[in-house]
Amino acid sequence: MGREELTAWALSNGWQILGGCPSLTKPSSPKEAIVRMVFKATVVNLEVKKPAGKWEKIAGEAYAKVLPDEDGQPQGLGFDRIPSFSMLMRDNRDRQVFKGFGS
């Protein structure tokens, strides 16, 4: 999966562009990114914001090694190893879907 495919997947699964990177936000603070994908020339890195405010790389892989599974989720970046990402993506996606209903 390339940069464009990863960005399209992320945006369709609750991520939003913050600071130029596809990001997931805190449920209690929807303007503050806590997880982001950082695109480099040949690799994509998955980073998590530590409580002190610094970003920590938790996974990284060459674009050629990031492949979609049968559901279209990128494999190779650690999404399958950390169950809280699924919950966080679902919370972000639900918040985006339902934010239009309140207005």
PDB file of N, CA and C in Angstrom:
ATOM      1  N   MET A   1       0.859  -1.176   0.000  1.00  0.00           N
ATOM      2  CA  MET A   1       0.000   0.000   0.000  1.00  0.00           C
ATOM      3  C   MET A   1       0.901   1.234   0.000  1.00  0.00           C
ATOM      4  N   GLY A   2       0.574   2.159  -0.842  1.00  0.00           N
ATOM      5  CA  GLY A   2       1.326   3.397  -0.911  1.00  0.00           C
ATOM      6  C   GLY A   2       0.720   4.475  -0.028  1.00  0.00           C
ATOM      7  N   ARG A   3       1.329   5.629  -0.051  1.00  0.00           N
ATOM      8  CA  ARG A   3       0.887   6.760   0.756  1.00  0.00           C
ATOM      9  C   ARG A   3      -0.569   7.127   0.492  1.00  0.00           C
ATOM     10  N   GLU A   4      -0.955   7.183  -0.785  1.00  0.00           N
ATOM     11  CA  GLU A   4      -2.327   7.555  -1.136  1.00  0.00           C
ATOM     12  C   GLU A   4      -3.331   6.509  -0.661  1.00  0.00           C
ATOM     13  N   GLU A   5      -2.985   5.229  -0.822  1.00  0.00           N
ATOM     14  CA  GLU A   5      -3.882   4.149  -0.385  1.00  0.00           C
ATOM     15  C   GLU A   5      -4.027   4.138   1.134  1.00  0.00           C
ATOM     16  N   LEU A   6      -2.929   4.347   1.841  1.00  0.00           N
ATOM     17  CA  LEU A   6      -2.989   4.389   3.304  1.00  0.00           C
ATOM     18  C   LEU A   6      -3.803   5.588   3.789  1.00  0.00           C
ATOM     19  N   THR A   7      -3.630   6.725   3.131  1.00  0.00           N
ATOM     20  CA  THR A   7      -4.394   7.918   3.509  1.00  0.00           C
ATOM     21  C   THR A   7      -5.876   7.698   3.249  1.00  0.00           C
ATOM     22  N   ALA A   8      -6.224   7.138   2.105  1.00  0.00           N
ATOM     23  CA  ALA A   8      -7.632   6.871   1.790  1.00  0.00           C
ATOM     24  C   ALA A   8      -8.233   5.880   2.783  1.00  0.00           C
ATOM     25  N   TRP A   9      -7.492   4.829   3.120  1.00  0.00           N
ATOM     26  CA  TRP A   9      -7.974   3.868   4.105  1.00  0.00           C
ATOM     27  C   TRP A   9      -8.196   4.555   5.453  1.00  0.00           C
ATOM     28  N   ALA A  10      -7.210   5.347   5.877  1.00  0.00           N
ATOM     29  CA  ALA A  10      -7.297   6.014   7.179  1.00  0.00           C
ATOM     30  C   ALA A  10      -8.503   6.947   7.243  1.00  0.00           C
ATOM     31  N   LEU A  11      -8.693   7.773   6.216  1.00  0.00           N
ATOM     32  CA  LEU A  11      -9.802   8.726   6.228  1.00  0.00           C
ATOM     33  C   LEU A  11     -11.156   8.024   6.221  1.00  0.00           C
ATOM     34  N   SER A  12     -11.239   6.863   5.595  1.00  0.00           N
ATOM     35  CA  SER A  12     -12.506   6.137   5.582  1.00  0.00           C
ATOM     36  C   SER A  12     -12.740   5.333   6.860  1.00  0.00           C
ATOM     37  N   ASN A  13     -11.750   5.302   7.747  1.00  0.00           N
ATOM     38  CA  ASN A  13     -11.865   4.550   8.995  1.00  0.00           C
ATOM     39  C   ASN A  13     -11.735   5.422  10.234  1.00  0.00           C
ATOM     40  N   GLY A  14     -12.123   6.683  10.128  1.00  0.00           N
ATOM     41  CA  GLY A  14     -12.186   7.544  11.297  1.00  0.00           C
ATOM     42  C   GLY A  14     -10.992   8.430  11.554  1.00  0.00           C
ATOM     43  N   TRP A  15      -9.945   8.287  10.787  1.00  0.00           N
ATOM     44  CA  TRP A  15      -8.782   9.149  10.959  1.00  0.00           C
ATOM     45  C   TRP A  15      -9.091  10.501  10.339  1.00  0.00           C
ATOM     46  N   GLN A  16      -8.352  11.510  10.755  1.00  0.00           N
ATOM     47  CA  GLN A  16      -8.464  12.833  10.146  1.00  0.00           C
ATOM     48  C   GLN A  16      -7.064  13.408   9.986  1.00  0.00           C
ATOM     49  N   ILE A  17      -6.943  14.347   9.082  1.00  0.00           N
ATOM     50  CA  ILE A  17      -5.640  14.963   8.837  1.00  0.00           C
ATOM     51  C   ILE A  17      -5.433  16.083   9.851  1.00  0.00           C
ATOM     52  N   LEU A  18      -4.427  15.922  10.698  1.00  0.00           N
ATOM     53  CA  LEU A  18      -4.031  16.930  11.675  1.00  0.00           C
ATOM     54  C   LEU A  18      -2.521  17.097  11.563  1.00  0.00           C
ATOM     55  N   GLY A  19      -2.070  18.307  11.376  1.00  0.00           N
ATOM     56  CA  GLY A  19      -0.638  18.543  11.245  1.00  0.00           C
ATOM     57  C   GLY A  19      -0.037  17.877  10.023  1.00  0.00           C
ATOM     58  N   GLY A  20      -0.849  17.643   8.986  1.00  0.00           N
ATOM     59  CA  GLY A  20      -0.364  17.039   7.759  1.00  0.00           C
ATOM     60  C   GLY A  20      -0.274  15.522   7.783  1.00  0.00           C
ATOM     61  N   CYS A  21      -0.699  14.886   8.878  1.00  0.00           N
ATOM     62  CA  CYS A  21      -0.625  13.426   9.010  1.00  0.00           C
ATOM     63  C   CYS A  21      -1.998  12.855   9.333  1.00  0.00           C
ATOM     64  N   PRO A  22      -2.324  11.682   8.789  1.00  0.00           N
ATOM     65  CA  PRO A  22      -3.542  11.004   9.242  1.00  0.00           C
ATOM     66  C   PRO A  22      -3.400  10.704  10.732  1.00  0.00           C
ATOM     67  N   SER A  23      -4.400  11.123  11.506  1.00  0.00           N
ATOM     68  CA  SER A  23      -4.291  11.031  12.965  1.00  0.00           C
ATOM     69  C   SER A  23      -5.584  10.563  13.598  1.00  0.00           C
ATOM     70  N   LEU A  24      -5.446   9.938  14.754  1.00  0.00           N
ATOM     71  CA  LEU A  24      -6.573   9.600  15.608  1.00  0.00           C
ATOM     72  C   LEU A  24      -6.504  10.514  16.823  1.00  0.00           C
ATOM     73  N   THR A  25      -7.660  10.899  17.334  1.00  0.00           N
ATOM     74  CA  THR A  25      -7.708  11.839  18.444  1.00  0.00           C
ATOM     75  C   THR A  25      -8.263  11.181  19.698  1.00  0.00           C
ATOM     76  N   LYS A  26      -8.071  11.860  20.815  1.00  0.00           N
ATOM     77  CA  LYS A  26      -8.649  11.422  22.073  1.00  0.00           C
ATOM     78  C   LYS A  26     -10.154  11.609  22.015  1.00  0.00           C
ATOM     79  N   PRO A  27     -10.914  10.680  22.562  1.00  0.00           N
ATOM     80  CA  PRO A  27     -12.368  10.879  22.608  1.00  0.00           C
ATOM     81  C   PRO A  27     -12.751  12.135  23.387  1.00  0.00           C
ATOM     82  N   SER A  28     -12.005  12.448  24.435  1.00  0.00           N
ATOM     83  CA  SER A  28     -12.328  13.620  25.252  1.00  0.00           C
ATOM     84  C   SER A  28     -11.782  14.927  24.676  1.00  0.00           C
ATOM     85  N   SER A  29     -10.869  14.843  23.727  1.00  0.00           N
ATOM     86  CA  SER A  29     -10.254  16.037  23.131  1.00  0.00           C
ATOM     87  C   SER A  29     -10.091  15.822  21.626  1.00  0.00           C
ATOM     88  N   PRO A  30     -11.179  16.012  20.843  1.00  0.00           N
ATOM     89  CA  PRO A  30     -11.143  15.641  19.423  1.00  0.00           C
ATOM     90  C   PRO A  30     -10.266  16.520  18.526  1.00  0.00           C
ATOM     91  N   LYS A  31      -9.570  17.484  19.073  1.00  0.00           N
ATOM     92  CA  LYS A  31      -8.664  18.307  18.259  1.00  0.00           C
ATOM     93  C   LYS A  31      -7.203  17.973  18.516  1.00  0.00           C
ATOM     94  N   GLU A  32      -6.945  17.032  19.444  1.00  0.00           N
ATOM     95  CA  GLU A  32      -5.579  16.681  19.808  1.00  0.00           C
ATOM     96  C   GLU A  32      -5.252  15.272  19.334  1.00  0.00           C
ATOM     97  N   ALA A  33      -4.288  15.157  18.428  1.00  0.00           N
ATOM     98  CA  ALA A  33      -3.879  13.849  17.907  1.00  0.00           C
ATOM     99  C   ALA A  33      -3.117  13.074  18.965  1.00  0.00           C
ATOM    100  N   ILE A  34      -3.416  11.765  19.078  1.00  0.00           N
ATOM    101  CA  ILE A  34      -2.653  10.910  19.986  1.00  0.00           C
ATOM    102  C   ILE A  34      -1.996   9.744  19.250  1.00  0.00           C
ATOM    103  N   VAL A  35      -2.450   9.470  18.027  1.00  0.00           N
ATOM    104  CA  VAL A  35      -1.842   8.457  17.159  1.00  0.00           C
ATOM    105  C   VAL A  35      -1.760   9.066  15.772  1.00  0.00           C
ATOM    106  N   ARG A  36      -0.643   8.849  15.087  1.00  0.00           N
ATOM    107  CA  ARG A  36      -0.524   9.370  13.720  1.00  0.00           C
ATOM    108  C   ARG A  36       0.318   8.451  12.864  1.00  0.00           C
ATOM    109  N   MET A  37       0.067   8.539  11.547  1.00  0.00           N
ATOM    110  CA  MET A  37       0.905   7.861  10.561  1.00  0.00           C
ATOM    111  C   MET A  37       1.763   8.939   9.904  1.00  0.00           C
ATOM    112  N   VAL A  38       3.057   8.721   9.953  1.00  0.00           N
ATOM    113  CA  VAL A  38       3.996   9.673   9.363  1.00  0.00           C
ATOM    114  C   VAL A  38       4.586   9.029   8.113  1.00  0.00           C
ATOM    115  N   PHE A  39       4.413   9.703   6.992  1.00  0.00           N
ATOM    116  CA  PHE A  39       4.893   9.178   5.719  1.00  0.00           C
ATOM    117  C   PHE A  39       6.274   9.734   5.410  1.00  0.00           C
ATOM    118  N   LYS A  40       7.210   8.843   5.190  1.00  0.00           N
ATOM    119  CA  LYS A  40       8.569   9.195   4.768  1.00  0.00           C
ATOM    120  C   LYS A  40       8.697   8.804   3.296  1.00  0.00           C
ATOM    121  N   ALA A  41       9.869   8.969   2.742  1.00  0.00           N
ATOM    122  CA  ALA A  41      10.071   8.670   1.317  1.00  0.00           C
ATOM    123  C   ALA A  41       9.804   7.207   0.985  1.00  0.00           C
ATOM    124  N   THR A  42      10.277   6.299   1.815  1.00  0.00           N
ATOM    125  CA  THR A  42      10.128   4.878   1.496  1.00  0.00           C
ATOM    126  C   THR A  42       9.396   4.079   2.567  1.00  0.00           C
ATOM    127  N   VAL A  43       9.114   4.687   3.716  1.00  0.00           N
ATOM    128  CA  VAL A  43       8.464   3.972   4.821  1.00  0.00           C
ATOM    129  C   VAL A  43       7.329   4.803   5.411  1.00  0.00           C
ATOM    130  N   VAL A  44       6.450   4.100   6.121  1.00  0.00           N
ATOM    131  CA  VAL A  44       5.402   4.743   6.904  1.00  0.00           C
ATOM    132  C   VAL A  44       5.635   4.335   8.356  1.00  0.00           C
ATOM    133  N   ASN A  45       5.560   5.313   9.260  1.00  0.00           N
ATOM    134  CA  ASN A  45       5.744   5.057  10.679  1.00  0.00           C
ATOM    135  C   ASN A  45       4.441   5.307  11.419  1.00  0.00           C
ATOM    136  N   LEU A  46       4.173   4.490  12.405  1.00  0.00           N
ATOM    137  CA  LEU A  46       3.030   4.671  13.285  1.00  0.00           C
ATOM    138  C   LEU A  46       3.592   5.205  14.597  1.00  0.00           C
ATOM    139  N   GLU A  47       3.086   6.360  15.034  1.00  0.00           N
ATOM    140  CA  GLU A  47       3.602   7.005  16.232  1.00  0.00           C
ATOM    141  C   GLU A  47       2.472   7.263  17.216  1.00  0.00           C
ATOM    142  N   VAL A  48       2.814   7.212  18.512  1.00  0.00           N
ATOM    143  CA  VAL A  48       1.871   7.476  19.591  1.00  0.00           C
ATOM    144  C   VAL A  48       2.432   8.616  20.430  1.00  0.00           C
ATOM    145  N   LYS A  49       1.542   9.518  20.829  1.00  0.00           N
ATOM    146  CA  LYS A  49       1.963  10.646  21.649  1.00  0.00           C
ATOM    147  C   LYS A  49       2.006  10.221  23.107  1.00  0.00           C
ATOM    148  N   LYS A  50       3.157  10.412  23.729  1.00  0.00           N
ATOM    149  CA  LYS A  50       3.331  10.072  25.135  1.00  0.00           C
ATOM    150  C   LYS A  50       2.712  11.172  25.996  1.00  0.00           C
ATOM    151  N   PRO A  51       2.402  10.870  27.251  1.00  0.00           N
ATOM    152  CA  PRO A  51       1.820  11.887  28.134  1.00  0.00           C
ATOM    153  C   PRO A  51       2.662  13.157  28.258  1.00  0.00           C
ATOM    154  N   ALA A  52       3.965  13.045  28.105  1.00  0.00           N
ATOM    155  CA  ALA A  52       4.836  14.221  28.180  1.00  0.00           C
ATOM    156  C   ALA A  52       4.770  15.071  26.915  1.00  0.00           C
ATOM    157  N   GLY A  53       4.060  14.595  25.888  1.00  0.00           N
ATOM    158  CA  GLY A  53       3.897  15.368  24.664  1.00  0.00           C
ATOM    159  C   GLY A  53       4.830  14.999  23.534  1.00  0.00           C
ATOM    160  N   LYS A  54       5.751  14.065  23.753  1.00  0.00           N
ATOM    161  CA  LYS A  54       6.673  13.642  22.702  1.00  0.00           C
ATOM    162  C   LYS A  54       6.069  12.484  21.927  1.00  0.00           C
ATOM    163  N   TRP A  55       6.373  12.412  20.623  1.00  0.00           N
ATOM    164  CA  TRP A  55       5.899  11.323  19.769  1.00  0.00           C
ATOM    165  C   TRP A  55       6.890  10.172  19.834  1.00  0.00           C
ATOM    166  N   GLU A  56       6.365   8.959  19.984  1.00  0.00           N
ATOM    167  CA  GLU A  56       7.187   7.757  20.015  1.00  0.00           C
ATOM    168  C   GLU A  56       6.785   6.834  18.879  1.00  0.00           C
ATOM    169  N   LYS A  57       7.761   6.427  18.085  1.00  0.00           N
ATOM    170  CA  LYS A  57       7.502   5.488  16.988  1.00  0.00           C
ATOM    171  C   LYS A  57       7.289   4.104  17.582  1.00  0.00           C
ATOM    172  N   ILE A  58       6.139   3.487  17.250  1.00  0.00           N
ATOM    173  CA  ILE A  58       5.878   2.145  17.757  1.00  0.00           C
ATOM    174  C   ILE A  58       5.949   1.091  16.657  1.00  0.00           C
ATOM    175  N   ALA A  59       5.882   1.534  15.407  1.00  0.00           N
ATOM    176  CA  ALA A  59       6.002   0.600  14.285  1.00  0.00           C
ATOM    177  C   ALA A  59       6.380   1.387  13.040  1.00  0.00           C
ATOM    178  N   GLY A  60       7.017   0.723  12.131  1.00  0.00           N
ATOM    179  CA  GLY A  60       7.370   1.315  10.851  1.00  0.00           C
ATOM    180  C   GLY A  60       7.609   0.205   9.846  1.00  0.00           C
ATOM    181  N   GLU A  61       7.268   0.491   8.610  1.00  0.00           N
ATOM    182  CA  GLU A  61       7.431  -0.539   7.583  1.00  0.00           C
ATOM    183  C   GLU A  61       7.551   0.125   6.222  1.00  0.00           C
ATOM    184  N   ALA A  62       8.268  -0.512   5.326  1.00  0.00           N
ATOM    185  CA  ALA A  62       8.367  -0.037   3.942  1.00  0.00           C
ATOM    186  C   ALA A  62       6.994  -0.163   3.289  1.00  0.00           C
ATOM    187  N   TYR A  63       6.677   0.777   2.415  1.00  0.00           N
ATOM    188  CA  TYR A  63       5.375   0.749   1.737  1.00  0.00           C
ATOM    189  C   TYR A  63       5.110  -0.602   1.065  1.00  0.00           C
ATOM    190  N   ALA A  64       6.131  -1.189   0.469  1.00  0.00           N
ATOM    191  CA  ALA A  64       5.961  -2.456  -0.253  1.00  0.00           C
ATOM    192  C   ALA A  64       5.571  -3.607   0.673  1.00  0.00           C
ATOM    193  N   LYS A  65       5.871  -3.485   1.962  1.00  0.00           N
ATOM    194  CA  LYS A  65       5.562  -4.552   2.909  1.00  0.00           C
ATOM    195  C   LYS A  65       4.249  -4.331   3.654  1.00  0.00           C
ATOM    196  N   VAL A  66       3.610  -3.195   3.459  1.00  0.00           N
ATOM    197  CA  VAL A  66       2.317  -2.927   4.075  1.00  0.00           C
ATOM    198  C   VAL A  66       1.252  -3.376   3.085  1.00  0.00           C
ATOM    199  N   LEU A  67       0.581  -4.468   3.432  1.00  0.00           N
ATOM    200  CA  LEU A  67      -0.409  -5.066   2.538  1.00  0.00           C
ATOM    201  C   LEU A  67      -1.771  -5.085   3.210  1.00  0.00           C
ATOM    202  N   PRO A  68      -2.849  -4.873   2.448  1.00  0.00           N
ATOM    203  CA  PRO A  68      -4.183  -4.933   3.053  1.00  0.00           C
ATOM    204  C   PRO A  68      -4.606  -6.371   3.316  1.00  0.00           C
ATOM    205  N   ASP A  69      -5.334  -6.567   4.434  1.00  0.00           N
ATOM    206  CA  ASP A  69      -5.897  -7.891   4.686  1.00  0.00           C
ATOM    207  C   ASP A  69      -7.229  -8.008   3.959  1.00  0.00           C
ATOM    208  N   GLU A  70      -7.981  -9.076   4.215  1.00  0.00           N
ATOM    209  CA  GLU A  70      -9.243  -9.284   3.492  1.00  0.00           C
ATOM    210  C   GLU A  70     -10.268  -8.198   3.790  1.00  0.00           C
ATOM    211  N   ASP A  71     -10.127  -7.511   4.936  1.00  0.00           N
ATOM    212  CA  ASP A  71     -11.029  -6.404   5.275  1.00  0.00           C
ATOM    213  C   ASP A  71     -10.508  -5.059   4.787  1.00  0.00           C
ATOM    214  N   GLY A  72      -9.306  -5.052   4.217  1.00  0.00           N
ATOM    215  CA  GLY A  72      -8.721  -3.821   3.718  1.00  0.00           C
ATOM    216  C   GLY A  72      -7.833  -3.110   4.716  1.00  0.00           C
ATOM    217  N   GLN A  73      -7.697  -3.646   5.936  1.00  0.00           N
ATOM    218  CA  GLN A  73      -6.857  -3.022   6.953  1.00  0.00           C
ATOM    219  C   GLN A  73      -5.390  -3.301   6.661  1.00  0.00           C
ATOM    220  N   PRO A  74      -4.538  -2.281   6.753  1.00  0.00           N
ATOM    221  CA  PRO A  74      -3.111  -2.480   6.479  1.00  0.00           C
ATOM    222  C   PRO A  74      -2.471  -3.428   7.481  1.00  0.00           C
ATOM    223  N   GLN A  75      -1.749  -4.402   6.988  1.00  0.00           N
ATOM    224  CA  GLN A  75      -1.002  -5.336   7.833  1.00  0.00           C
ATOM    225  C   GLN A  75       0.465  -4.946   7.797  1.00  0.00           C
ATOM    226  N   GLY A  76       1.106  -5.004   8.937  1.00  0.00           N
ATOM    227  CA  GLY A  76       2.528  -4.687   9.010  1.00  0.00           C
ATOM    228  C   GLY A  76       2.816  -3.469   9.855  1.00  0.00           C
ATOM    229  N   LEU A  77       1.780  -2.756  10.301  1.00  0.00           N
ATOM    230  CA  LEU A  77       2.006  -1.574  11.126  1.00  0.00           C
ATOM    231  C   LEU A  77       1.604  -1.779  12.583  1.00  0.00           C
ATOM    232  N   GLY A  78       1.189  -2.962  12.938  1.00  0.00           N
ATOM    233  CA  GLY A  78       0.895  -3.253  14.325  1.00  0.00           C
ATOM    234  C   GLY A  78      -0.541  -3.031  14.754  1.00  0.00           C
ATOM    235  N   PHE A  79      -1.433  -2.699  13.835  1.00  0.00           N
ATOM    236  CA  PHE A  79      -2.834  -2.511  14.206  1.00  0.00           C
ATOM    237  C   PHE A  79      -3.437  -3.783  14.787  1.00  0.00           C
ATOM    238  N   ASP A  80      -3.030  -4.935  14.274  1.00  0.00           N
ATOM    239  CA  ASP A  80      -3.582  -6.203  14.729  1.00  0.00           C
ATOM    240  C   ASP A  80      -3.035  -6.631  16.094  1.00  0.00           C
ATOM    241  N   ARG A  81      -1.880  -6.115  16.484  1.00  0.00           N
ATOM    242  CA  ARG A  81      -1.269  -6.490  17.764  1.00  0.00           C
ATOM    243  C   ARG A  81      -1.772  -5.643  18.925  1.00  0.00           C
ATOM    244  N   ILE A  82      -2.314  -4.477  18.641  1.00  0.00           N
ATOM    245  CA  ILE A  82      -2.732  -3.562  19.709  1.00  0.00           C
ATOM    246  C   ILE A  82      -4.238  -3.342  19.589  1.00  0.00           C
ATOM    247  N   PRO A  83      -5.046  -4.044  20.401  1.00  0.00           N
ATOM    248  CA  PRO A  83      -6.501  -3.984  20.272  1.00  0.00           C
ATOM    249  C   PRO A  83      -7.089  -2.600  20.528  1.00  0.00           C
ATOM    250  N   SER A  84      -6.418  -1.765  21.289  1.00  0.00           N
ATOM    251  CA  SER A  84      -6.965  -0.439  21.578  1.00  0.00           C
ATOM    252  C   SER A  84      -7.045   0.433  20.323  1.00  0.00           C
ATOM    253  N   PHE A  85      -6.263   0.129  19.283  1.00  0.00           N
ATOM    254  CA  PHE A  85      -6.367   0.892  18.040  1.00  0.00           C
ATOM    255  C   PHE A  85      -7.728   0.702  17.397  1.00  0.00           C
ATOM    256  N   SER A  86      -8.236  -0.515  17.430  1.00  0.00           N
ATOM    257  CA  SER A  86      -9.561  -0.775  16.855  1.00  0.00           C
ATOM    258  C   SER A  86     -10.629   0.036  17.573  1.00  0.00           C
ATOM    259  N   MET A  87     -10.569   0.070  18.892  1.00  0.00           N
ATOM    260  CA  MET A  87     -11.543   0.849  19.669  1.00  0.00           C
ATOM    261  C   MET A  87     -11.400   2.340  19.384  1.00  0.00           C
ATOM    262  N   LEU A  88     -10.164   2.817  19.327  1.00  0.00           N
ATOM    263  CA  LEU A  88      -9.926   4.232  19.077  1.00  0.00           C
ATOM    264  C   LEU A  88     -10.402   4.619  17.681  1.00  0.00           C
ATOM    265  N   MET A  89     -10.147   3.767  16.675  1.00  0.00           N
ATOM    266  CA  MET A  89     -10.621   4.055  15.318  1.00  0.00           C
ATOM    267  C   MET A  89     -12.145   4.054  15.275  1.00  0.00           C
ATOM    268  N   ARG A  90     -12.770   3.111  15.967  1.00  0.00           N
ATOM    269  CA  ARG A  90     -14.235   3.056  15.998  1.00  0.00           C
ATOM    270  C   ARG A  90     -14.813   4.302  16.669  1.00  0.00           C
ATOM    271  N   ASP A  91     -14.218   4.731  17.786  1.00  0.00           N
ATOM    272  CA  ASP A  91     -14.679   5.943  18.467  1.00  0.00           C
ATOM    273  C   ASP A  91     -14.545   7.169  17.562  1.00  0.00           C
ATOM    274  N   ASN A  92     -13.418   7.294  16.872  1.00  0.00           N
ATOM    275  CA  ASN A  92     -13.203   8.426  15.971  1.00  0.00           C
ATOM    276  C   ASN A  92     -14.172   8.386  14.800  1.00  0.00           C
ATOM    277  N   ARG A  93     -14.386   7.204  14.221  1.00  0.00           N
ATOM    278  CA  ARG A  93     -15.308   7.071  13.090  1.00  0.00           C
ATOM    279  C   ARG A  93     -16.740   7.393  13.530  1.00  0.00           C
ATOM    280  N   ASP A  94     -17.152   6.868  14.683  1.00  0.00           N
ATOM    281  CA  ASP A  94     -18.498   7.152  15.189  1.00  0.00           C
ATOM    282  C   ASP A  94     -18.694   8.638  15.458  1.00  0.00           C
ATOM    283  N   ARG A  95     -17.684   9.277  16.030  1.00  0.00           N
ATOM    284  CA  ARG A  95     -17.775  10.713  16.309  1.00  0.00           C
ATOM    285  C   ARG A  95     -17.945  11.498  15.012  1.00  0.00           C
ATOM    286  N   GLN A  96     -17.225  11.119  13.956  1.00  0.00           N
ATOM    287  CA  GLN A  96     -17.362  11.810  12.668  1.00  0.00           C
ATOM    288  C   GLN A  96     -18.715  11.576  12.058  1.00  0.00           C
ATOM    289  N   VAL A  97     -19.234  10.357  12.151  1.00  0.00           N
ATOM    290  CA  VAL A  97     -20.529  10.024  11.555  1.00  0.00           C
ATOM    291  C   VAL A  97     -21.648  10.775  12.265  1.00  0.00           C
ATOM    292  N   PHE A  98     -21.588  10.817  13.589  1.00  0.00           N
ATOM    293  CA  PHE A  98     -22.683  11.367  14.358  1.00  0.00           C
ATOM    294  C   PHE A  98     -22.584  12.860  14.651  1.00  0.00           C
ATOM    295  N   LYS A  99     -21.466  13.500  14.302  1.00  0.00           N
ATOM    296  CA  LYS A  99     -21.345  14.933  14.594  1.00  0.00           C
ATOM    297  C   LYS A  99     -22.331  15.756  13.767  1.00  0.00           C
ATOM    298  N   GLY A 100     -22.739  15.292  12.599  1.00  0.00           N
ATOM    299  CA  GLY A 100     -23.697  16.007  11.776  1.00  0.00           C
ATOM    300  C   GLY A 100     -25.124  15.936  12.297  1.00  0.00           C
ATOM    301  N   PHE A 101     -25.401  14.947  13.138  1.00  0.00           N
ATOM    302  CA  PHE A 101     -26.756  14.793  13.644  1.00  0.00           C
ATOM    303  C   PHE A 101     -27.115  15.819  14.719  1.00  0.00           C
ATOM    304  N   GLY A 102     -26.140  16.379  15.385  1.00  0.00           N
ATOM    305  CA  GLY A 102     -26.411  17.321  16.459  1.00  0.00           C
ATOM    306  C   GLY A 102     -26.728  18.721  15.984  1.00  0.00           C
ATOM    307  N   SER A 103     -26.470  19.031  14.721  1.00  0.00           N
ATOM    308  CA  SER A 103     -26.694  20.394  14.246  1.00  0.00           C
ATOM    309  C   SER A 103     -27.983  20.540  13.481  1.00  0.00           C
TER     310      SER A 103
END
